[in-house]
Amino acid sequence: MSKSEARSRIDEVLDVIGLTDRRKDRTNTYSGGMKRRLNIGIGLLHSPRLLILDEPTVGVDPQSRNAILESVEALSGEGMAVLYTTHYMEEAERLCDRIGIIDAGTVIAEGTRDQLTASIGEQDRMRIEVSGSVETAAEHVRSVDGVSDVATEERAIVVLTDDGSRRLPGIISRLAAGSVQVGSIDISRPDLEAVFLHLTGKALRE
């Protein structure tokens, strides 16, 4: 790159990684998160078609972590291909169009988030706190269309269903008809961590 091209590109990259206001500071005064963002900026300087990032948010502060994620999102939106490795499933969910799960050095699954979660047949999990007998509440809900299973806890029922948000009104109506009072409701959808645990039988680890 010529000097003029480099100067122009440096300005662009500093803006992308959020370090414009620190451009004149010595890098040994940067925090760990800033240094990680600087590393990304160095990789971006020559406008690569493919950017490879290996766990770029490990050990950085929350502000820098968010800045890194926002930068990666912006680069992807501009058409740059990004290969991103991470142990943090929420980052993969947020950033990646396609995801590969690696266990013991082998790719054991690959696809979009929806394809991966659908591949293990996971359903939405709905935890509903109820008053009175949880067994009675469970019996009322078992016959609701779309409900595949109902388990009980001390003060709640746990419902597995194909579409929690769509099935919820019918479940609440059935409970109300049975004079069951409902407390808090929590709906969790299958995620990449559930896929990883299903495929490997192991928790996420280094």
N, C-alpha and C. Protein backbone atom coordinates (compact mmCIF):
# COMPACT_ATOMS: atom_id res chain seq x y z
N MET A 1 0.85 -1.19 0.00
CA MET A 1 0.00 0.00 0.00
C MET A 1 0.89 1.24 0.00
N SER A 2 0.47 2.26 -0.72
CA SER A 2 1.20 3.52 -0.69
C SER A 2 0.93 4.22 0.64
N LYS A 3 1.75 5.22 0.96
CA LYS A 3 1.58 5.92 2.22
C LYS A 3 0.22 6.60 2.30
N SER A 4 -0.21 7.19 1.20
CA SER A 4 -1.51 7.87 1.21
C SER A 4 -2.65 6.87 1.37
N GLU A 5 -2.54 5.72 0.71
CA GLU A 5 -3.55 4.69 0.86
C GLU A 5 -3.58 4.16 2.30
N ALA A 6 -2.41 3.97 2.86
CA ALA A 6 -2.33 3.46 4.23
C ALA A 6 -2.95 4.43 5.22
N ARG A 7 -2.65 5.74 5.05
CA ARG A 7 -3.21 6.74 5.96
C ARG A 7 -4.73 6.74 5.89
N SER A 8 -5.27 6.70 4.67
CA SER A 8 -6.71 6.69 4.50
C SER A 8 -7.33 5.44 5.10
N ARG A 9 -6.67 4.31 4.87
CA ARG A 9 -7.20 3.04 5.36
C ARG A 9 -7.12 2.97 6.89
N ILE A 10 -6.07 3.52 7.46
CA ILE A 10 -5.93 3.54 8.92
C ILE A 10 -7.10 4.28 9.56
N ASP A 11 -7.46 5.43 8.97
CA ASP A 11 -8.60 6.19 9.50
C ASP A 11 -9.88 5.35 9.47
N GLU A 12 -10.09 4.63 8.37
CA GLU A 12 -11.29 3.80 8.24
C GLU A 12 -11.29 2.69 9.27
N VAL A 13 -10.15 2.04 9.43
CA VAL A 13 -10.07 0.90 10.35
C VAL A 13 -10.22 1.34 11.80
N LEU A 14 -9.58 2.45 12.16
CA LEU A 14 -9.72 2.94 13.53
C LEU A 14 -11.18 3.23 13.86
N ASP A 15 -11.91 3.72 12.88
CA ASP A 15 -13.33 3.99 13.10
C ASP A 15 -14.10 2.68 13.29
N VAL A 16 -13.78 1.67 12.50
CA VAL A 16 -14.46 0.38 12.60
C VAL A 16 -14.24 -0.25 13.97
N ILE A 17 -13.01 -0.20 14.48
CA ILE A 17 -12.69 -0.87 15.74
C ILE A 17 -12.86 0.05 16.95
N GLY A 18 -13.31 1.27 16.72
CA GLY A 18 -13.62 2.18 17.82
C GLY A 18 -12.42 2.70 18.59
N LEU A 19 -11.32 2.96 17.88
CA LEU A 19 -10.12 3.46 18.55
C LEU A 19 -9.66 4.81 17.98
N THR A 20 -10.51 5.51 17.28
CA THR A 20 -10.13 6.79 16.69
C THR A 20 -9.66 7.77 17.75
N ASP A 21 -10.35 7.79 18.89
CA ASP A 21 -9.98 8.75 19.94
C ASP A 21 -8.67 8.40 20.64
N ARG A 22 -8.13 7.20 20.39
CA ARG A 22 -6.87 6.79 21.00
C ARG A 22 -5.76 6.64 19.96
N ARG A 23 -5.95 7.20 18.79
CA ARG A 23 -5.02 6.97 17.69
C ARG A 23 -3.62 7.50 17.96
N LYS A 24 -3.48 8.52 18.79
CA LYS A 24 -2.15 9.10 19.06
C LYS A 24 -1.50 8.54 20.33
N ASP A 25 -2.21 7.63 21.01
CA ASP A 25 -1.66 7.07 22.25
C ASP A 25 -0.74 5.88 21.95
N ARG A 26 0.25 5.69 22.81
CA ARG A 26 1.11 4.53 22.67
C ARG A 26 0.29 3.27 22.97
N THR A 27 0.54 2.23 22.18
CA THR A 27 -0.28 1.02 22.35
C THR A 27 0.00 0.31 23.68
N ASN A 28 1.16 0.57 24.30
CA ASN A 28 1.40 -0.07 25.59
C ASN A 28 0.57 0.55 26.71
N THR A 29 -0.17 1.60 26.38
CA THR A 29 -1.11 2.18 27.35
C THR A 29 -2.53 1.64 27.14
N TYR A 30 -2.72 0.82 26.12
CA TYR A 30 -4.05 0.27 25.83
C TYR A 30 -4.40 -0.82 26.84
N SER A 31 -5.70 -0.96 27.08
CA SER A 31 -6.17 -2.09 27.88
C SER A 31 -6.09 -3.36 27.05
N GLY A 32 -6.30 -4.50 27.71
CA GLY A 32 -6.28 -5.77 26.98
C GLY A 32 -7.32 -5.81 25.88
N GLY A 33 -8.50 -5.27 26.16
CA GLY A 33 -9.56 -5.25 25.16
C GLY A 33 -9.21 -4.37 23.97
N MET A 34 -8.58 -3.24 24.25
CA MET A 34 -8.17 -2.34 23.16
C MET A 34 -7.11 -3.00 22.29
N LYS A 35 -6.18 -3.71 22.92
CA LYS A 35 -5.14 -4.40 22.14
C LYS A 35 -5.77 -5.47 21.25
N ARG A 36 -6.78 -6.15 21.76
CA ARG A 36 -7.46 -7.17 20.94
C ARG A 36 -8.15 -6.51 19.75
N ARG A 37 -8.77 -5.36 19.98
CA ARG A 37 -9.41 -4.64 18.88
C ARG A 37 -8.37 -4.14 17.88
N LEU A 38 -7.20 -3.73 18.39
CA LEU A 38 -6.11 -3.30 17.51
C LEU A 38 -5.64 -4.46 16.63
N ASN A 39 -5.55 -5.65 17.21
CA ASN A 39 -5.17 -6.83 16.43
C ASN A 39 -6.13 -7.05 15.26
N ILE A 40 -7.40 -6.89 15.54
CA ILE A 40 -8.40 -7.04 14.48
C ILE A 40 -8.19 -5.97 13.41
N GLY A 41 -7.91 -4.73 13.86
CA GLY A 41 -7.68 -3.64 12.92
C GLY A 41 -6.49 -3.91 12.00
N ILE A 42 -5.43 -4.49 12.56
CA ILE A 42 -4.26 -4.82 11.74
C ILE A 42 -4.65 -5.84 10.67
N GLY A 43 -5.50 -6.79 11.05
CA GLY A 43 -5.95 -7.78 10.08
C GLY A 43 -6.85 -7.20 9.00
N LEU A 44 -7.49 -6.07 9.32
CA LEU A 44 -8.39 -5.44 8.36
C LEU A 44 -7.69 -4.46 7.42
N LEU A 45 -6.49 -4.07 7.76
CA LEU A 45 -5.84 -2.95 7.09
C LEU A 45 -5.78 -3.13 5.57
N HIS A 46 -5.48 -4.32 5.10
CA HIS A 46 -5.32 -4.54 3.66
C HIS A 46 -6.61 -4.99 2.98
N SER A 47 -7.75 -4.81 3.66
CA SER A 47 -9.08 -5.14 3.11
C SER A 47 -9.14 -6.59 2.61
N PRO A 48 -8.94 -7.55 3.50
CA PRO A 48 -8.95 -8.96 3.06
C PRO A 48 -10.34 -9.40 2.65
N ARG A 49 -10.41 -10.38 1.78
CA ARG A 49 -11.70 -10.98 1.42
C ARG A 49 -12.18 -11.93 2.50
N LEU A 50 -11.24 -12.50 3.25
CA LEU A 50 -11.56 -13.41 4.35
C LEU A 50 -10.81 -12.98 5.59
N LEU A 51 -11.53 -12.80 6.70
CA LEU A 51 -10.93 -12.46 7.98
C LEU A 51 -11.14 -13.64 8.93
N ILE A 52 -10.04 -14.15 9.49
CA ILE A 52 -10.10 -15.28 10.42
C ILE A 52 -9.87 -14.76 11.84
N LEU A 53 -10.85 -14.97 12.69
CA LEU A 53 -10.77 -14.51 14.08
C LEU A 53 -10.86 -15.71 15.01
N ASP A 54 -9.82 -15.93 15.81
CA ASP A 54 -9.76 -17.08 16.70
C ASP A 54 -10.03 -16.61 18.14
N GLU A 55 -11.24 -16.82 18.61
CA GLU A 55 -11.66 -16.45 19.96
C GLU A 55 -11.24 -15.03 20.34
N PRO A 56 -11.69 -14.04 19.57
CA PRO A 56 -11.21 -12.67 19.79
C PRO A 56 -11.71 -12.01 21.07
N THR A 57 -12.72 -12.57 21.72
CA THR A 57 -13.27 -11.90 22.90
C THR A 57 -12.84 -12.54 24.22
N VAL A 58 -11.97 -13.55 24.16
CA VAL A 58 -11.54 -14.22 25.40
C VAL A 58 -10.74 -13.24 26.27
N GLY A 59 -11.16 -13.09 27.51
CA GLY A 59 -10.40 -12.30 28.47
C GLY A 59 -10.51 -10.80 28.31
N VAL A 60 -11.48 -10.31 27.54
CA VAL A 60 -11.61 -8.86 27.37
C VAL A 60 -12.78 -8.35 28.22
N ASP A 61 -12.77 -7.05 28.48
CA ASP A 61 -13.83 -6.45 29.28
C ASP A 61 -15.12 -6.38 28.47
N PRO A 62 -16.28 -6.28 29.15
CA PRO A 62 -17.57 -6.30 28.45
C PRO A 62 -17.71 -5.22 27.38
N GLN A 63 -17.16 -4.02 27.62
CA GLN A 63 -17.28 -2.95 26.64
C GLN A 63 -16.51 -3.29 25.37
N SER A 64 -15.29 -3.79 25.52
CA SER A 64 -14.50 -4.17 24.35
C SER A 64 -15.12 -5.37 23.64
N ARG A 65 -15.65 -6.29 24.42
CA ARG A 65 -16.30 -7.47 23.82
C ARG A 65 -17.44 -7.03 22.92
N ASN A 66 -18.27 -6.13 23.41
CA ASN A 66 -19.39 -5.66 22.60
C ASN A 66 -18.90 -4.90 21.38
N ALA A 67 -17.83 -4.12 21.53
CA ALA A 67 -17.27 -3.38 20.39
C ALA A 67 -16.76 -4.35 19.32
N ILE A 68 -16.12 -5.44 19.75
CA ILE A 68 -15.63 -6.43 18.81
C ILE A 68 -16.79 -7.09 18.06
N LEU A 69 -17.82 -7.47 18.79
CA LEU A 69 -18.97 -8.11 18.16
C LEU A 69 -19.66 -7.17 17.17
N GLU A 70 -19.78 -5.91 17.55
CA GLU A 70 -20.40 -4.93 16.64
C GLU A 70 -19.54 -4.75 15.39
N SER A 71 -18.22 -4.76 15.54
CA SER A 71 -17.33 -4.62 14.39
C SER A 71 -17.48 -5.80 13.44
N VAL A 72 -17.54 -7.01 14.00
CA VAL A 72 -17.69 -8.20 13.16
C VAL A 72 -19.02 -8.17 12.43
N GLU A 73 -20.07 -7.76 13.13
CA GLU A 73 -21.38 -7.65 12.48
C GLU A 73 -21.34 -6.66 11.32
N ALA A 74 -20.67 -5.54 11.52
CA ALA A 74 -20.57 -4.52 10.47
C ALA A 74 -19.79 -5.06 9.27
N LEU A 75 -18.70 -5.77 9.52
CA LEU A 75 -17.88 -6.31 8.43
C LEU A 75 -18.67 -7.33 7.63
N SER A 76 -19.40 -8.19 8.32
CA SER A 76 -20.21 -9.19 7.63
C SER A 76 -21.29 -8.51 6.79
N GLY A 77 -21.87 -7.44 7.33
CA GLY A 77 -22.90 -6.71 6.59
C GLY A 77 -22.36 -6.05 5.35
N GLU A 78 -21.05 -5.77 5.33
CA GLU A 78 -20.42 -5.14 4.15
C GLU A 78 -19.95 -6.17 3.14
N GLY A 79 -20.16 -7.45 3.42
CA GLY A 79 -19.83 -8.48 2.45
C GLY A 79 -18.52 -9.22 2.68
N MET A 80 -17.80 -8.87 3.75
CA MET A 80 -16.56 -9.60 4.03
C MET A 80 -16.88 -10.96 4.63
N ALA A 81 -16.18 -12.00 4.19
CA ALA A 81 -16.34 -13.32 4.79
C ALA A 81 -15.53 -13.38 6.08
N VAL A 82 -16.16 -13.86 7.15
CA VAL A 82 -15.49 -13.94 8.45
C VAL A 82 -15.59 -15.37 8.95
N LEU A 83 -14.44 -15.96 9.26
CA LEU A 83 -14.39 -17.27 9.90
C LEU A 83 -14.11 -17.03 11.37
N TYR A 84 -15.05 -17.40 12.22
CA TYR A 84 -15.03 -16.98 13.63
C TYR A 84 -15.08 -18.21 14.53
N THR A 85 -14.05 -18.40 15.35
CA THR A 85 -14.08 -19.51 16.30
C THR A 85 -14.35 -18.98 17.70
N THR A 86 -15.15 -19.71 18.47
CA THR A 86 -15.52 -19.26 19.81
C THR A 86 -16.03 -20.42 20.64
N HIS A 87 -15.85 -20.30 21.95
CA HIS A 87 -16.48 -21.22 22.90
C HIS A 87 -17.80 -20.64 23.41
N TYR A 88 -18.09 -19.40 23.05
CA TYR A 88 -19.30 -18.73 23.55
C TYR A 88 -20.43 -18.92 22.55
N MET A 89 -21.40 -19.75 22.90
CA MET A 89 -22.48 -20.07 21.97
C MET A 89 -23.33 -18.86 21.62
N GLU A 90 -23.47 -17.92 22.57
CA GLU A 90 -24.28 -16.73 22.27
C GLU A 90 -23.63 -15.88 21.18
N GLU A 91 -22.29 -15.90 21.09
CA GLU A 91 -21.62 -15.17 20.02
C GLU A 91 -21.89 -15.82 18.67
N ALA A 92 -21.82 -17.14 18.63
CA ALA A 92 -22.11 -17.84 17.38
C ALA A 92 -23.55 -17.58 16.94
N GLU A 93 -24.47 -17.59 17.89
CA GLU A 93 -25.88 -17.33 17.57
C GLU A 93 -26.05 -15.92 17.01
N ARG A 94 -25.32 -14.98 17.59
CA ARG A 94 -25.47 -13.57 17.19
C ARG A 94 -24.83 -13.28 15.84
N LEU A 95 -23.67 -13.89 15.57
CA LEU A 95 -22.85 -13.46 14.44
C LEU A 95 -22.95 -14.34 13.19
N CYS A 96 -23.17 -15.62 13.36
CA CYS A 96 -22.86 -16.55 12.27
C CYS A 96 -24.07 -16.93 11.42
N ASP A 97 -23.87 -16.91 10.10
CA ASP A 97 -24.89 -17.40 9.17
C ASP A 97 -24.90 -18.92 9.13
N ARG A 98 -23.71 -19.50 9.18
CA ARG A 98 -23.57 -20.95 9.23
C ARG A 98 -22.61 -21.32 10.35
N ILE A 99 -22.87 -22.44 11.00
CA ILE A 99 -22.14 -22.80 12.21
C ILE A 99 -21.65 -24.24 12.08
N GLY A 100 -20.39 -24.45 12.44
CA GLY A 100 -19.85 -25.80 12.52
C GLY A 100 -19.51 -26.12 13.96
N ILE A 101 -19.91 -27.28 14.42
CA ILE A 101 -19.60 -27.71 15.78
C ILE A 101 -18.45 -28.72 15.71
N ILE A 102 -17.38 -28.42 16.44
CA ILE A 102 -16.18 -29.25 16.43
C ILE A 102 -16.01 -29.92 17.79
N ASP A 103 -15.78 -31.20 17.80
CA ASP A 103 -15.52 -31.93 19.03
C ASP A 103 -14.33 -32.84 18.81
N ALA A 104 -13.32 -32.72 19.68
CA ALA A 104 -12.11 -33.53 19.57
C ALA A 104 -11.47 -33.43 18.19
N GLY A 105 -11.51 -32.21 17.62
CA GLY A 105 -10.85 -31.96 16.35
C GLY A 105 -11.63 -32.37 15.11
N THR A 106 -12.86 -32.81 15.30
CA THR A 106 -13.68 -33.27 14.17
C THR A 106 -14.96 -32.45 14.07
N VAL A 107 -15.30 -32.03 12.85
CA VAL A 107 -16.57 -31.34 12.63
C VAL A 107 -17.69 -32.38 12.70
N ILE A 108 -18.56 -32.25 13.70
CA ILE A 108 -19.61 -33.24 13.88
C ILE A 108 -20.98 -32.76 13.43
N ALA A 109 -21.10 -31.47 13.14
CA ALA A 109 -22.37 -30.93 12.63
C ALA A 109 -22.10 -29.59 12.00
N GLU A 110 -22.90 -29.23 10.99
CA GLU A 110 -22.71 -27.95 10.30
C GLU A 110 -24.03 -27.54 9.67
N GLY A 111 -24.35 -26.25 9.76
CA GLY A 111 -25.57 -25.75 9.15
C GLY A 111 -25.94 -24.41 9.75
N THR A 112 -27.12 -23.93 9.42
CA THR A 112 -27.62 -22.71 10.05
C THR A 112 -28.06 -23.03 11.48
N ARG A 113 -28.29 -21.99 12.26
CA ARG A 113 -28.75 -22.21 13.63
C ARG A 113 -30.04 -23.02 13.64
N ASP A 114 -31.00 -22.63 12.80
CA ASP A 114 -32.28 -23.33 12.78
C ASP A 114 -32.13 -24.78 12.35
N GLN A 115 -31.26 -25.03 11.38
CA GLN A 115 -31.04 -26.40 10.93
C GLN A 115 -30.44 -27.25 12.04
N LEU A 116 -29.50 -26.69 12.78
CA LEU A 116 -28.85 -27.44 13.85
C LEU A 116 -29.82 -27.75 14.99
N THR A 117 -30.61 -26.75 15.39
CA THR A 117 -31.55 -27.01 16.48
C THR A 117 -32.65 -27.97 16.04
N ALA A 118 -33.07 -27.86 14.78
CA ALA A 118 -34.11 -28.78 14.29
C ALA A 118 -33.59 -30.21 14.19
N SER A 119 -32.30 -30.36 13.96
CA SER A 119 -31.72 -31.69 13.74
C SER A 119 -31.80 -32.57 14.98
N ILE A 120 -31.91 -31.96 16.17
CA ILE A 120 -31.97 -32.77 17.39
C ILE A 120 -33.39 -32.87 17.93
N GLY A 121 -34.34 -32.31 17.19
CA GLY A 121 -35.74 -32.45 17.58
C GLY A 121 -36.10 -31.74 18.87
N GLU A 122 -35.33 -30.76 19.26
CA GLU A 122 -35.63 -30.03 20.48
C GLU A 122 -36.89 -29.19 20.32
N GLN A 123 -37.66 -29.10 21.37
CA GLN A 123 -38.87 -28.29 21.38
C GLN A 123 -38.73 -27.14 22.36
N ASP A 124 -39.65 -26.19 22.27
CA ASP A 124 -39.67 -25.12 23.24
C ASP A 124 -40.00 -25.70 24.62
N ARG A 125 -39.35 -25.13 25.64
CA ARG A 125 -39.58 -25.57 27.02
C ARG A 125 -40.27 -24.44 27.77
N MET A 126 -41.42 -24.71 28.31
CA MET A 126 -42.22 -23.69 28.98
C MET A 126 -42.38 -24.06 30.45
N ARG A 127 -41.88 -23.22 31.33
CA ARG A 127 -42.02 -23.47 32.77
C ARG A 127 -43.07 -22.51 33.32
N ILE A 128 -44.12 -23.07 33.90
CA ILE A 128 -45.26 -22.28 34.37
C ILE A 128 -45.46 -22.54 35.85
N GLU A 129 -45.32 -21.50 36.65
CA GLU A 129 -45.61 -21.63 38.08
C GLU A 129 -47.12 -21.62 38.28
N VAL A 130 -47.62 -22.53 39.10
CA VAL A 130 -49.06 -22.65 39.31
C VAL A 130 -49.36 -22.77 40.80
N SER A 131 -50.60 -22.43 41.15
CA SER A 131 -51.06 -22.62 42.53
C SER A 131 -51.74 -23.98 42.64
N GLY A 132 -51.80 -24.52 43.83
CA GLY A 132 -52.49 -25.78 44.03
C GLY A 132 -51.69 -26.97 43.55
N SER A 133 -52.40 -28.02 43.16
CA SER A 133 -51.77 -29.27 42.77
C SER A 133 -51.10 -29.16 41.40
N VAL A 134 -49.81 -29.42 41.33
CA VAL A 134 -49.12 -29.39 40.05
C VAL A 134 -49.55 -30.58 39.19
N GLU A 135 -49.89 -31.69 39.81
CA GLU A 135 -50.35 -32.85 39.05
C GLU A 135 -51.66 -32.55 38.34
N THR A 136 -52.56 -31.86 39.04
CA THR A 136 -53.84 -31.47 38.42
C THR A 136 -53.60 -30.52 37.26
N ALA A 137 -52.71 -29.55 37.47
CA ALA A 137 -52.40 -28.59 36.40
C ALA A 137 -51.82 -29.32 35.19
N ALA A 138 -50.93 -30.28 35.44
CA ALA A 138 -50.32 -31.03 34.35
C ALA A 138 -51.36 -31.80 33.56
N GLU A 139 -52.33 -32.41 34.25
CA GLU A 139 -53.37 -33.16 33.56
C GLU A 139 -54.20 -32.26 32.65
N HIS A 140 -54.46 -31.05 33.08
CA HIS A 140 -55.23 -30.10 32.25
C HIS A 140 -54.48 -29.76 30.96
N VAL A 141 -53.17 -29.69 31.04
CA VAL A 141 -52.38 -29.20 29.91
C VAL A 141 -52.02 -30.32 28.93
N ARG A 142 -51.95 -31.55 29.39
CA ARG A 142 -51.46 -32.65 28.54
C ARG A 142 -52.28 -32.82 27.26
N SER A 143 -53.54 -32.46 27.30
CA SER A 143 -54.39 -32.66 26.12
C SER A 143 -54.41 -31.46 25.17
N VAL A 144 -53.66 -30.40 25.49
CA VAL A 144 -53.63 -29.21 24.62
C VAL A 144 -52.89 -29.56 23.33
N ASP A 145 -53.44 -29.13 22.22
CA ASP A 145 -52.83 -29.40 20.92
C ASP A 145 -51.41 -28.86 20.85
N GLY A 146 -50.48 -29.68 20.38
CA GLY A 146 -49.10 -29.26 20.23
C GLY A 146 -48.21 -29.57 21.41
N VAL A 147 -48.80 -29.98 22.54
CA VAL A 147 -48.02 -30.32 23.73
C VAL A 147 -47.59 -31.78 23.64
N SER A 148 -46.28 -32.02 23.74
CA SER A 148 -45.78 -33.39 23.62
C SER A 148 -45.48 -34.03 24.97
N ASP A 149 -45.20 -33.20 25.99
CA ASP A 149 -44.89 -33.77 27.29
C ASP A 149 -45.08 -32.70 28.36
N VAL A 150 -45.48 -33.14 29.57
CA VAL A 150 -45.62 -32.24 30.70
C VAL A 150 -44.99 -32.91 31.92
N ALA A 151 -44.04 -32.24 32.54
CA ALA A 151 -43.42 -32.73 33.76
C ALA A 151 -43.78 -31.78 34.90
N THR A 152 -43.58 -32.24 36.12
CA THR A 152 -43.93 -31.41 37.28
C THR A 152 -42.71 -31.14 38.14
N GLU A 153 -42.70 -29.95 38.71
CA GLU A 153 -41.73 -29.58 39.74
C GLU A 153 -42.51 -29.28 41.01
N GLU A 154 -41.84 -28.76 42.01
CA GLU A 154 -42.51 -28.53 43.28
C GLU A 154 -43.68 -27.56 43.16
N ARG A 155 -43.47 -26.48 42.42
CA ARG A 155 -44.51 -25.46 42.29
C ARG A 155 -44.77 -25.07 40.85
N ALA A 156 -44.37 -25.89 39.93
CA ALA A 156 -44.50 -25.52 38.52
C ALA A 156 -44.67 -26.76 37.66
N ILE A 157 -45.18 -26.52 36.46
CA ILE A 157 -45.21 -27.56 35.44
C ILE A 157 -44.25 -27.15 34.33
N VAL A 158 -43.63 -28.15 33.70
CA VAL A 158 -42.70 -27.90 32.61
C VAL A 158 -43.28 -28.55 31.36
N VAL A 159 -43.58 -27.71 30.37
CA VAL A 159 -44.29 -28.15 29.18
C VAL A 159 -43.37 -28.14 27.98
N LEU A 160 -43.32 -29.22 27.24
CA LEU A 160 -42.60 -29.27 25.97
C LEU A 160 -43.60 -29.15 24.84
N THR A 161 -43.36 -28.20 23.94
CA THR A 161 -44.30 -27.96 22.85
C THR A 161 -43.57 -27.50 21.61
N ASP A 162 -44.21 -27.61 20.47
CA ASP A 162 -43.55 -27.29 19.21
C ASP A 162 -43.42 -25.80 18.96
N ASP A 163 -44.25 -24.98 19.59
CA ASP A 163 -44.21 -23.53 19.38
C ASP A 163 -44.78 -22.86 20.61
N GLY A 164 -43.91 -22.57 21.57
CA GLY A 164 -44.36 -22.07 22.85
C GLY A 164 -45.21 -20.81 22.78
N SER A 165 -44.78 -19.83 22.00
CA SER A 165 -45.52 -18.57 21.92
C SER A 165 -46.92 -18.78 21.36
N ARG A 166 -47.04 -19.64 20.36
CA ARG A 166 -48.34 -19.87 19.73
C ARG A 166 -49.24 -20.75 20.60
N ARG A 167 -48.65 -21.67 21.34
CA ARG A 167 -49.45 -22.58 22.16
C ARG A 167 -49.83 -22.00 23.51
N LEU A 168 -49.14 -20.95 23.94
CA LEU A 168 -49.36 -20.41 25.28
C LEU A 168 -50.82 -20.01 25.56
N PRO A 169 -51.51 -19.27 24.67
CA PRO A 169 -52.90 -18.89 24.98
C PRO A 169 -53.79 -20.10 25.26
N GLY A 170 -53.65 -21.18 24.48
CA GLY A 170 -54.45 -22.37 24.70
C GLY A 170 -54.15 -23.03 26.04
N ILE A 171 -52.88 -23.03 26.41
CA ILE A 171 -52.48 -23.61 27.69
C ILE A 171 -53.05 -22.81 28.85
N ILE A 172 -52.95 -21.49 28.77
CA ILE A 172 -53.49 -20.63 29.83
C ILE A 172 -55.00 -20.79 29.93
N SER A 173 -55.67 -20.85 28.80
CA SER A 173 -57.13 -21.03 28.80
C SER A 173 -57.52 -22.35 29.47
N ARG A 174 -56.77 -23.41 29.18
CA ARG A 174 -57.08 -24.72 29.76
C ARG A 174 -56.86 -24.71 31.27
N LEU A 175 -55.80 -24.03 31.71
CA LEU A 175 -55.55 -23.93 33.14
C LEU A 175 -56.63 -23.10 33.83
N ALA A 176 -57.02 -22.00 33.20
CA ALA A 176 -58.06 -21.14 33.78
C ALA A 176 -59.38 -21.89 33.89
N ALA A 177 -59.69 -22.69 32.86
CA ALA A 177 -60.92 -23.48 32.90
C ALA A 177 -60.91 -24.49 34.03
N GLY A 178 -59.71 -24.93 34.42
CA GLY A 178 -59.58 -25.87 35.53
C GLY A 178 -59.36 -25.18 36.86
N SER A 179 -59.58 -23.86 36.91
CA SER A 179 -59.43 -23.06 38.12
C SER A 179 -58.01 -23.10 38.68
N VAL A 180 -57.04 -23.21 37.80
CA VAL A 180 -55.64 -23.20 38.21
C VAL A 180 -55.08 -21.79 38.00
N GLN A 181 -54.56 -21.19 39.08
CA GLN A 181 -53.98 -19.86 38.97
C GLN A 181 -52.54 -19.96 38.50
N VAL A 182 -52.18 -19.06 37.58
CA VAL A 182 -50.85 -19.08 36.97
C VAL A 182 -50.00 -17.96 37.53
N GLY A 183 -48.75 -18.28 37.84
CA GLY A 183 -47.79 -17.27 38.29
C GLY A 183 -46.88 -16.87 37.14
N SER A 184 -45.59 -16.99 37.33
CA SER A 184 -44.64 -16.60 36.29
C SER A 184 -44.57 -17.65 35.19
N ILE A 185 -44.23 -17.19 33.99
CA ILE A 185 -44.09 -18.08 32.83
C ILE A 185 -42.76 -17.79 32.17
N ASP A 186 -42.00 -18.84 31.90
CA ASP A 186 -40.71 -18.69 31.23
C ASP A 186 -40.66 -19.65 30.05
N ILE A 187 -40.39 -19.11 28.86
CA ILE A 187 -40.29 -19.93 27.65
C ILE A 187 -38.86 -19.89 27.15
N SER A 188 -38.24 -21.04 27.01
CA SER A 188 -36.88 -21.11 26.47
C SER A 188 -36.89 -21.93 25.19
N ARG A 189 -36.21 -21.42 24.20
CA ARG A 189 -36.14 -22.10 22.91
C ARG A 189 -34.85 -22.90 22.82
N PRO A 190 -34.83 -23.95 22.02
CA PRO A 190 -33.60 -24.72 21.86
C PRO A 190 -32.49 -23.83 21.31
N ASP A 191 -31.28 -24.00 21.83
CA ASP A 191 -30.17 -23.16 21.41
C ASP A 191 -28.97 -24.03 21.04
N LEU A 192 -27.88 -23.36 20.68
CA LEU A 192 -26.70 -24.09 20.23
C LEU A 192 -26.06 -24.90 21.35
N GLU A 193 -26.18 -24.42 22.58
CA GLU A 193 -25.63 -25.19 23.69
C GLU A 193 -26.36 -26.52 23.83
N ALA A 194 -27.69 -26.49 23.65
CA ALA A 194 -28.46 -27.73 23.69
C ALA A 194 -28.02 -28.67 22.57
N VAL A 195 -27.74 -28.12 21.40
CA VAL A 195 -27.27 -28.94 20.29
C VAL A 195 -25.92 -29.57 20.63
N PHE A 196 -25.00 -28.76 21.16
CA PHE A 196 -23.68 -29.25 21.51
C PHE A 196 -23.76 -30.38 22.54
N LEU A 197 -24.56 -30.16 23.58
CA LEU A 197 -24.69 -31.17 24.62
C LEU A 197 -25.31 -32.45 24.07
N HIS A 198 -26.28 -32.30 23.18
CA HIS A 198 -26.93 -33.48 22.60
C HIS A 198 -25.96 -34.27 21.74
N LEU A 199 -25.15 -33.57 20.96
CA LEU A 199 -24.26 -34.26 20.02
C LEU A 199 -23.02 -34.84 20.69
N THR A 200 -22.56 -34.21 21.77
CA THR A 200 -21.30 -34.65 22.38
C THR A 200 -21.48 -35.29 23.74
N GLY A 201 -22.60 -34.96 24.39
CA GLY A 201 -22.80 -35.46 25.74
C GLY A 201 -21.89 -34.80 26.75
N LYS A 202 -21.29 -33.66 26.36
CA LYS A 202 -20.33 -32.98 27.23
C LYS A 202 -20.69 -31.51 27.35
N ALA A 203 -20.36 -30.92 28.48
CA ALA A 203 -20.55 -29.49 28.63
C ALA A 203 -19.51 -28.73 27.82
N LEU A 204 -19.79 -27.46 27.54
CA LEU A 204 -18.82 -26.62 26.84
C LEU A 204 -17.56 -26.51 27.68
N ARG A 205 -16.41 -26.56 27.04
CA ARG A 205 -15.17 -26.55 27.77
C ARG A 205 -14.06 -26.01 26.89
N GLU A 206 -12.92 -25.78 27.47
CA GLU A 206 -11.77 -25.33 26.70
C GLU A 206 -11.27 -26.46 25.82
